């Protein structure tokens, strides 16, 4: 009876060891699967954050560019307006001088008559 009991105990121990080894292997596989899934999700999150940051930076750059373009446009318009005003004044002064000259000639001709 002791021998049968020893055999039964040995068989039970062997079966339990095999079950423990199988459970350990399954658990290690599950841990690797879980770790792979965590890594995949972290990579997805990293890509999403990177894309959001890039979009935000692009928006900021576009905003800065628009502001700078507006400044340049305003500056160019101001310079063009100043230049046009100066040319107009020069033309008006030239016309006024021509008219004064003609008026003097007419006044002299009028005095002669």
Protein backbone atom coordinates (compact mmCIF):
# COMPACT_ATOMS: atom_id res chain seq x y z
CA UNK A 1 0.00 0.00 0.00
CA UNK A 2 2.88 2.39 0.76
CA UNK A 3 4.39 1.64 -2.59
CA UNK A 4 1.11 2.35 -4.38
CA UNK A 5 0.75 5.52 -2.40
CA UNK A 6 4.30 6.57 -3.30
CA UNK A 7 3.55 5.85 -6.97
CA UNK A 8 0.31 7.84 -6.76
CA UNK A 9 2.11 10.71 -5.02
CA UNK A 10 4.87 10.65 -7.61
CA UNK A 11 2.32 10.63 -10.45
CA UNK A 12 0.39 13.45 -8.81
CA UNK A 13 3.58 15.48 -8.27
CA UNK A 14 4.67 14.89 -11.85
CA UNK A 15 1.23 15.90 -13.17
CA UNK A 16 1.20 19.02 -10.97
CA UNK A 17 4.70 19.97 -12.11
CA UNK A 18 3.64 19.56 -15.75
CA UNK A 19 0.51 21.65 -15.16
CA UNK A 20 2.56 24.29 -13.36
CA UNK A 21 5.08 24.36 -16.21
CA UNK A 22 2.26 24.67 -18.78
CA UNK A 23 0.59 27.41 -16.74
CA UNK A 24 3.92 29.22 -16.43
CA UNK A 25 4.49 29.02 -20.21
CA UNK A 26 0.95 30.28 -20.92
CA UNK A 27 1.42 33.12 -18.45
CA UNK A 28 4.76 34.10 -20.03
CA UNK A 29 3.07 34.08 -23.45
CA UNK A 30 0.26 36.26 -22.12
CA UNK A 31 2.78 38.67 -20.60
CA UNK A 32 4.63 38.90 -23.94
CA UNK A 33 1.33 39.45 -25.77
CA UNK A 34 0.30 42.11 -23.25
CA UNK A 35 3.71 43.82 -23.50
CA UNK A 36 3.48 43.79 -27.30
CA UNK A 37 0.02 45.35 -27.13
CA UNK A 38 1.22 48.00 -24.67
CA UNK A 39 4.19 48.78 -26.94
CA UNK A 40 1.90 49.00 -29.99
CA UNK A 41 -0.50 51.35 -28.20
CA UNK A 42 2.35 53.52 -26.93
CA UNK A 43 3.69 53.80 -30.48
CA UNK A 44 0.20 54.77 -31.69
CA UNK A 45 -0.06 57.42 -28.97
CA UNK A 46 3.41 58.69 -29.80
CA UNK A 47 2.44 59.01 -33.47
CA UNK A 48 -0.81 60.79 -32.60
CA UNK A 49 0.98 63.23 -30.29
CA UNK A 50 3.72 63.82 -32.87
CA UNK A 51 1.11 64.53 -35.55
CA UNK A 52 -0.81 66.90 -33.26
CA UNK A 53 2.38 68.75 -32.35
CA UNK A 54 3.38 69.02 -36.01
CA UNK A 55 -0.09 70.35 -36.91
CA UNK A 56 0.05 72.87 -34.07
CA UNK A 57 3.54 74.01 -35.08
CA UNK A 58 2.39 74.34 -38.71
CA UNK A 59 -0.61 76.42 -37.61
CA UNK A 60 1.61 78.67 -35.51
CA UNK A 61 4.08 79.07 -38.38
CA UNK A 62 1.26 79.92 -40.77
CA UNK A 63 -0.13 82.43 -38.28
CA UNK A 64 3.30 84.06 -37.89
CA UNK A 65 3.77 84.07 -41.66
CA UNK A 66 0.38 85.73 -42.20
CA UNK A 67 1.20 88.39 -39.60
CA UNK A 68 4.58 89.08 -41.21
CA UNK A 69 3.03 89.19 -44.68
CA UNK A 70 0.47 91.70 -43.42
CA UNK A 71 3.25 93.86 -41.96
CA UNK A 72 5.19 93.76 -45.23
CA UNK A 73 2.06 94.51 -47.24
CA UNK A 74 1.22 97.47 -45.00
CA UNK A 75 4.78 98.75 -45.25
CA UNK A 76 4.78 98.43 -49.05
CA UNK A 77 1.41 100.17 -49.30
CA UNK A 78 2.68 102.99 -47.10
CA UNK A 79 5.80 103.44 -49.21
CA UNK A 80 3.81 103.29 -52.46
CA UNK A 81 1.35 105.86 -51.12
CA UNK A 82 4.19 108.14 -50.01
CA UNK A 83 5.89 107.81 -53.38
CA UNK A 84 2.61 108.47 -55.23
CA UNK A 85 1.95 111.51 -53.02
CA UNK A 86 5.44 112.86 -53.72
CA UNK A 87 5.04 112.34 -57.48
CA UNK A 88 1.59 113.93 -57.42
CA UNK A 89 2.91 116.95 -55.48
CA UNK A 90 5.81 117.28 -57.93
CA UNK A 91 3.42 117.13 -60.88
CA UNK A 92 1.08 119.68 -59.26
CA UNK A 93 4.01 121.99 -58.50
CA UNK A 94 5.25 121.65 -62.08
CA UNK A 95 1.80 122.39 -63.43
CA UNK A 96 1.45 125.36 -61.09
CA UNK A 97 4.84 126.70 -62.21
CA UNK A 98 3.85 126.26 -65.88
CA UNK A 99 0.56 128.05 -65.27
CA UNK A 100 2.32 130.87 -63.39
CA UNK A 101 4.70 131.27 -66.31
CA UNK A 102 1.85 131.33 -68.79
CA UNK A 103 -0.06 133.79 -66.62
CA UNK A 104 2.96 136.09 -66.45
CA UNK A 105 3.29 135.94 -70.24
CA UNK A 106 -0.41 136.66 -70.62
CA UNK A 107 -0.17 139.49 -68.08
CA UNK A 108 2.75 141.01 -70.02
CA UNK A 109 0.87 140.63 -73.30
CA UNK A 110 -2.15 142.19 -71.65
CA UNK A 111 -0.05 145.12 -70.41
CA UNK A 112 1.32 145.60 -73.92
CA UNK A 113 -2.16 145.77 -75.30
